[in-house]
Amino acid sequence: LGLALLVADCGRGSTKREEPTAPSAPNASVADAFDHAGPQQGDEVGVAAVVTAWDAAWNAGDAAGLAATFVEDAEFINAMGRLFIGADQIRAQHAITLAAQFRGSHTEGHIRRITFLSGTAAVVDVDNDLTRYEPVAPGSTTMRAIQQSGRHKRLVVKRAGVWRTMLFQNTMVATTP
């Protein structure tokens, strides 16, 4: 369209352009390169390691280890829709929940799909199974296992050669009657 307008402008003898011009394309950096992988391929092992590290930290009740799977400016949306911004907030919130309602719980993520957006960014879809425990009655020391299923949508990025989560949204799967 821009070329057509320029040609039309030239035909009228005008030498003055009034509309803004597009900036020239910057040189692609090595960090933006796709590392010679096609749109459906990339560092699946590196991306999967982020999911594995999340599970290991959760299962150990390690909020700091869990937060270490995120970049510093990450966003986390929990299953209730609460938003936590930054690895410090994510760590602090998980320190609370891993010591309370999720104490002793076990999570296991199953990667459903990895979609590479570039050589340094991918969307990871994870189906998650969580087993948590709660008292059978208020004040009881007898615990019962509660099974929960969730779907995690994660945007992971590679910075300084390390994959970390930038955006994470957890959605609970509704139980069917």
C-alpha atoms as a PDB file:
ATOM      1  CA  LEU A   1       0.000   0.000   0.000  1.00  0.00           C
ATOM      2  CA  GLY A   2       2.822   2.372   0.889  1.00  0.00           C
ATOM      3  CA  LEU A   3       4.568   1.697  -2.420  1.00  0.00           C
ATOM      4  CA  ALA A   4       1.331   2.261  -4.337  1.00  0.00           C
ATOM      5  CA  LEU A   5       0.834   5.623  -2.601  1.00  0.00           C
ATOM      6  CA  LEU A   6       4.435   6.604  -3.303  1.00  0.00           C
ATOM      7  CA  VAL A   7       4.072   5.734  -6.990  1.00  0.00           C
ATOM      8  CA  ALA A   8       0.773   7.633  -7.168  1.00  0.00           C
ATOM      9  CA  ASP A   9       2.418  10.604  -5.435  1.00  0.00           C
ATOM     10  CA  CYS A  10       5.277  10.563  -7.934  1.00  0.00           C
ATOM     11  CA  GLY A  11       2.783  10.626 -10.800  1.00  0.00           C
ATOM     12  CA  ARG A  12       1.369  13.888  -9.507  1.00  0.00           C
ATOM     13  CA  GLY A  13       4.804  15.459  -9.351  1.00  0.00           C
ATOM     14  CA  SER A  14       4.785  15.846  -5.581  1.00  0.00           C
ATOM     15  CA  THR A  15       8.130  15.677  -3.828  1.00  0.00           C
ATOM     16  CA  LYS A  16       6.827  16.244  -0.315  1.00  0.00           C
ATOM     17  CA  ARG A  17       5.619  13.273   1.750  1.00  0.00           C
ATOM     18  CA  GLU A  18       3.182  14.087   4.503  1.00  0.00           C
ATOM     19  CA  GLU A  19       2.521  10.626   5.960  1.00  0.00           C
ATOM     20  CA  PRO A  20       5.072   9.071   8.295  1.00  0.00           C
ATOM     21  CA  THR A  21       7.534   6.622   6.855  1.00  0.00           C
ATOM     22  CA  ALA A  22       8.181   3.187   8.276  1.00  0.00           C
ATOM     23  CA  PRO A  23      11.503   2.839  10.045  1.00  0.00           C
ATOM     24  CA  SER A  24      14.031   0.658   8.333  1.00  0.00           C
ATOM     25  CA  ALA A  25      14.132  -2.904   9.660  1.00  0.00           C
ATOM     26  CA  PRO A  26      16.778  -3.357  12.340  1.00  0.00           C
ATOM     27  CA  ASN A  27      19.372  -6.034  11.939  1.00  0.00           C
ATOM     28  CA  ALA A  28      18.216  -9.242  13.592  1.00  0.00           C
ATOM     29  CA  SER A  29      20.222 -10.060  16.672  1.00  0.00           C
ATOM     30  CA  VAL A  30      21.527 -13.490  17.571  1.00  0.00           C
ATOM     31  CA  ALA A  31      19.080 -13.579  20.498  1.00  0.00           C
ATOM     32  CA  ASP A  32      16.157 -13.133  18.076  1.00  0.00           C
ATOM     33  CA  ALA A  33      17.328 -15.842  15.698  1.00  0.00           C
ATOM     34  CA  PHE A  34      15.427 -19.077  15.591  1.00  0.00           C
ATOM     35  CA  ASP A  35      18.577 -21.174  15.929  1.00  0.00           C
ATOM     36  CA  HIS A  36      17.897 -22.863  12.582  1.00  0.00           C
ATOM     37  CA  ALA A  37      14.789 -24.598  13.903  1.00  0.00           C
ATOM     38  CA  GLY A  38      11.458 -24.568  12.145  1.00  0.00           C
ATOM     39  CA  PRO A  39       8.321 -23.054  13.632  1.00  0.00           C
ATOM     40  CA  GLN A  40       7.341 -26.380  15.239  1.00  0.00           C
ATOM     41  CA  GLN A  41      10.763 -27.230  16.690  1.00  0.00           C
ATOM     42  CA  GLY A  42      13.097 -25.809  19.262  1.00  0.00           C
ATOM     43  CA  ASP A  43      14.722 -26.602  22.582  1.00  0.00           C
ATOM     44  CA  GLU A  44      11.973 -28.916  23.869  1.00  0.00           C
ATOM     45  CA  VAL A  45      14.307 -30.376  26.517  1.00  0.00           C
ATOM     46  CA  GLY A  46      15.170 -26.930  27.919  1.00  0.00           C
ATOM     47  CA  VAL A  47      11.528 -25.854  27.984  1.00  0.00           C
ATOM     48  CA  ALA A  48      10.387 -29.128  29.572  1.00  0.00           C
ATOM     49  CA  ALA A  49      13.024 -28.665  32.290  1.00  0.00           C
ATOM     50  CA  VAL A  50      11.145 -25.559  33.492  1.00  0.00           C
ATOM     51  CA  VAL A  51       8.009 -27.665  34.029  1.00  0.00           C
ATOM     52  CA  THR A  52      10.034 -30.367  35.801  1.00  0.00           C
ATOM     53  CA  ALA A  53      11.708 -27.770  38.055  1.00  0.00           C
ATOM     54  CA  TRP A  54       8.304 -26.276  38.969  1.00  0.00           C
ATOM     55  CA  ASP A  55       6.979 -29.710  39.948  1.00  0.00           C
ATOM     56  CA  ALA A  56      10.108 -30.561  41.980  1.00  0.00           C
ATOM     57  CA  ALA A  57      10.010 -27.258  43.882  1.00  0.00           C
ATOM     58  CA  TRP A  58       6.268 -27.550  44.565  1.00  0.00           C
ATOM     59  CA  ASN A  59       6.581 -31.139  45.780  1.00  0.00           C
ATOM     60  CA  ALA A  60       9.433 -30.126  48.102  1.00  0.00           C
ATOM     61  CA  GLY A  61       7.374 -27.204  49.480  1.00  0.00           C
ATOM     62  CA  ASP A  62      10.162 -24.908  48.249  1.00  0.00           C
ATOM     63  CA  ALA A  63       8.706 -21.488  47.415  1.00  0.00           C
ATOM     64  CA  ALA A  64      12.153 -20.017  46.630  1.00  0.00           C
ATOM     65  CA  GLY A  65      12.909 -22.878  44.239  1.00  0.00           C
ATOM     66  CA  LEU A  66       9.514 -22.384  42.628  1.00  0.00           C
ATOM     67  CA  ALA A  67      10.134 -18.641  42.205  1.00  0.00           C
ATOM     68  CA  ALA A  68      13.516 -19.439  40.638  1.00  0.00           C
ATOM     69  CA  THR A  69      11.650 -20.910  37.656  1.00  0.00           C
ATOM     70  CA  PHE A  70      10.391 -17.383  36.840  1.00  0.00           C
ATOM     71  CA  VAL A  71      12.070 -14.314  35.350  1.00  0.00           C
ATOM     72  CA  GLU A  72      12.200 -11.336  37.736  1.00  0.00           C
ATOM     73  CA  ASP A  73       9.396  -9.457  35.935  1.00  0.00           C
ATOM     74  CA  ALA A  74       7.071 -12.479  35.628  1.00  0.00           C
ATOM     75  CA  GLU A  75       3.317 -12.563  36.115  1.00  0.00           C
ATOM     76  CA  PHE A  76       1.455 -15.432  37.771  1.00  0.00           C
ATOM     77  CA  ILE A  77      -2.336 -15.804  37.742  1.00  0.00           C
ATOM     78  CA  ASN A  78      -3.561 -18.421  40.181  1.00  0.00           C
ATOM     79  CA  ALA A  79      -6.636 -20.615  39.751  1.00  0.00           C
ATOM     80  CA  MET A  80      -8.753 -18.041  41.590  1.00  0.00           C
ATOM     81  CA  GLY A  81      -7.710 -15.276  39.205  1.00  0.00           C
ATOM     82  CA  ARG A  82      -5.376 -13.461  41.615  1.00  0.00           C
ATOM     83  CA  LEU A  83      -2.431 -11.778  39.912  1.00  0.00           C
ATOM     84  CA  PHE A  84       1.092 -11.772  41.351  1.00  0.00           C
ATOM     85  CA  ILE A  85       3.726  -9.653  39.655  1.00  0.00           C
ATOM     86  CA  GLY A  86       7.420 -10.357  39.960  1.00  0.00           C
ATOM     87  CA  ALA A  87       9.343 -13.367  41.215  1.00  0.00           C
ATOM     88  CA  ASP A  88       9.378 -11.929  44.763  1.00  0.00           C
ATOM     89  CA  GLN A  89       5.563 -11.743  44.968  1.00  0.00           C
ATOM     90  CA  ILE A  90       5.275 -15.203  43.407  1.00  0.00           C
ATOM     91  CA  ARG A  91       7.690 -16.598  46.009  1.00  0.00           C
ATOM     92  CA  ALA A  92       5.935 -14.864  48.915  1.00  0.00           C
ATOM     93  CA  GLN A  93       2.472 -16.068  47.916  1.00  0.00           C
ATOM     94  CA  HIS A  94       3.631 -19.634  47.369  1.00  0.00           C
ATOM     95  CA  ALA A  95       5.445 -19.615  50.719  1.00  0.00           C
ATOM     96  CA  ILE A  96       2.048 -18.964  52.298  1.00  0.00           C
ATOM     97  CA  THR A  97       0.026 -21.490  50.299  1.00  0.00           C
ATOM     98  CA  LEU A  98       2.667 -24.245  50.409  1.00  0.00           C
ATOM     99  CA  ALA A  99       2.700 -23.931  54.220  1.00  0.00           C
ATOM    100  CA  ALA A 100      -1.109 -23.871  54.457  1.00  0.00           C
ATOM    101  CA  GLN A 101      -3.719 -25.442  52.167  1.00  0.00           C
ATOM    102  CA  PHE A 102      -1.125 -27.042  49.866  1.00  0.00           C
ATOM    103  CA  ARG A 103       1.197 -28.326  52.598  1.00  0.00           C
ATOM    104  CA  GLY A 104       2.330 -31.826  51.676  1.00  0.00           C
ATOM    105  CA  SER A 105       0.555 -31.712  48.329  1.00  0.00           C
ATOM    106  CA  HIS A 106       1.948 -33.341  45.207  1.00  0.00           C
ATOM    107  CA  THR A 107       1.808 -31.965  41.674  1.00  0.00           C
ATOM    108  CA  GLU A 108       2.573 -33.630  38.381  1.00  0.00           C
ATOM    109  CA  GLY A 109       2.541 -31.720  35.117  1.00  0.00           C
ATOM    110  CA  HIS A 110       2.076 -33.376  31.743  1.00  0.00           C
ATOM    111  CA  ILE A 111       3.146 -31.264  28.788  1.00  0.00           C
ATOM    112  CA  ARG A 112       0.367 -31.332  26.216  1.00  0.00           C
ATOM    113  CA  ARG A 113       2.002 -29.011  23.709  1.00  0.00           C
ATOM    114  CA  ILE A 114       4.984 -26.726  23.234  1.00  0.00           C
ATOM    115  CA  THR A 115       4.610 -23.993  20.622  1.00  0.00           C
ATOM    116  CA  PHE A 116       7.805 -22.130  19.811  1.00  0.00           C
ATOM    117  CA  LEU A 117       7.273 -18.487  18.935  1.00  0.00           C
ATOM    118  CA  SER A 118      10.990 -18.012  18.311  1.00  0.00           C
ATOM    119  CA  GLY A 119      14.243 -19.594  19.407  1.00  0.00           C
ATOM    120  CA  THR A 120      13.879 -17.780  22.734  1.00  0.00           C
ATOM    121  CA  ALA A 121      10.140 -17.903  23.454  1.00  0.00           C
ATOM    122  CA  ALA A 122       7.601 -20.699  23.678  1.00  0.00           C
ATOM    123  CA  VAL A 123       4.078 -21.276  24.921  1.00  0.00           C
ATOM    124  CA  VAL A 124       3.758 -24.413  27.040  1.00  0.00           C
ATOM    125  CA  ASP A 125       0.400 -26.059  27.684  1.00  0.00           C
ATOM    126  CA  VAL A 126       0.521 -28.274  30.770  1.00  0.00           C
ATOM    127  CA  ASP A 127      -2.198 -30.546  32.090  1.00  0.00           C
ATOM    128  CA  ASN A 128      -1.639 -30.733  35.819  1.00  0.00           C
ATOM    129  CA  ASP A 129      -2.715 -33.235  38.451  1.00  0.00           C
ATOM    130  CA  LEU A 130      -2.566 -32.112  42.063  1.00  0.00           C
ATOM    131  CA  THR A 131      -3.212 -34.149  45.168  1.00  0.00           C
ATOM    132  CA  ARG A 132      -3.714 -32.156  48.343  1.00  0.00           C
ATOM    133  CA  TYR A 133      -4.837 -33.188  51.783  1.00  0.00           C
ATOM    134  CA  GLU A 134      -7.378 -31.742  54.151  1.00  0.00           C
ATOM    135  CA  PRO A 135      -8.883 -32.848  57.474  1.00  0.00           C
ATOM    136  CA  VAL A 136     -12.011 -34.995  57.207  1.00  0.00           C
ATOM    137  CA  ALA A 137     -13.616 -32.705  59.812  1.00  0.00           C
ATOM    138  CA  PRO A 138     -12.622 -29.412  61.472  1.00  0.00           C
ATOM    139  CA  GLY A 139      -9.893 -30.093  64.024  1.00  0.00           C
ATOM    140  CA  SER A 140      -9.440 -33.703  62.902  1.00  0.00           C
ATOM    141  CA  THR A 141      -5.967 -35.153  62.436  1.00  0.00           C
ATOM    142  CA  THR A 142      -7.349 -37.682  59.938  1.00  0.00           C
ATOM    143  CA  MET A 143      -6.662 -36.419  56.428  1.00  0.00           C
ATOM    144  CA  ARG A 144      -8.325 -37.190  53.125  1.00  0.00           C
ATOM    145  CA  ALA A 145      -6.781 -36.803  49.670  1.00  0.00           C
ATOM    146  CA  ILE A 146      -8.375 -34.290  47.326  1.00  0.00           C
ATOM    147  CA  GLN A 147      -7.633 -34.606  43.607  1.00  0.00           C
ATOM    148  CA  GLN A 148      -7.546 -31.444  41.502  1.00  0.00           C
ATOM    149  CA  SER A 149      -6.863 -31.035  37.817  1.00  0.00           C
ATOM    150  CA  GLY A 150      -5.656 -27.847  36.235  1.00  0.00           C
ATOM    151  CA  ARG A 151      -4.422 -26.485  32.955  1.00  0.00           C
ATOM    152  CA  HIS A 152      -1.384 -24.251  32.961  1.00  0.00           C
ATOM    153  CA  LYS A 153      -0.652 -21.863  30.119  1.00  0.00           C
ATOM    154  CA  ARG A 154       2.941 -20.687  30.367  1.00  0.00           C
ATOM    155  CA  LEU A 155       5.025 -18.342  28.273  1.00  0.00           C
ATOM    156  CA  VAL A 156       8.647 -19.286  28.782  1.00  0.00           C
ATOM    157  CA  VAL A 157      11.574 -17.227  27.574  1.00  0.00           C
ATOM    158  CA  LYS A 158      15.268 -17.890  27.234  1.00  0.00           C
ATOM    159  CA  ARG A 159      17.416 -15.173  28.785  1.00  0.00           C
ATOM    160  CA  ALA A 160      21.187 -15.483  29.066  1.00  0.00           C
ATOM    161  CA  GLY A 161      20.884 -19.074  27.892  1.00  0.00           C
ATOM    162  CA  VAL A 162      18.384 -20.113  30.612  1.00  0.00           C
ATOM    163  CA  TRP A 163      14.687 -20.894  30.146  1.00  0.00           C
ATOM    164  CA  ARG A 164      12.338 -19.326  32.713  1.00  0.00           C
ATOM    165  CA  THR A 165       8.625 -18.606  32.948  1.00  0.00           C
ATOM    166  CA  MET A 166       7.485 -15.077  32.089  1.00  0.00           C
ATOM    167  CA  LEU A 167       3.708 -15.574  32.228  1.00  0.00           C
ATOM    168  CA  PHE A 168       1.812 -18.366  33.973  1.00  0.00           C
ATOM    169  CA  GLN A 169      -1.940 -18.813  34.180  1.00  0.00           C
ATOM    170  CA  ASN A 170      -3.507 -21.674  36.138  1.00  0.00           C
ATOM    171  CA  THR A 171      -7.063 -22.684  35.306  1.00  0.00           C
ATOM    172  CA  MET A 172      -8.878 -25.369  37.277  1.00  0.00           C
ATOM    173  CA  VAL A 173     -10.625 -28.087  35.300  1.00  0.00           C
ATOM    174  CA  ALA A 174     -14.238 -28.350  36.382  1.00  0.00           C
ATOM    175  CA  THR A 175     -15.250 -31.743  37.694  1.00  0.00           C
ATOM    176  CA  THR A 176     -17.941 -33.539  35.754  1.00  0.00           C
ATOM    177  CA  PRO A 177     -20.891 -34.960  37.690  1.00  0.00           C
END
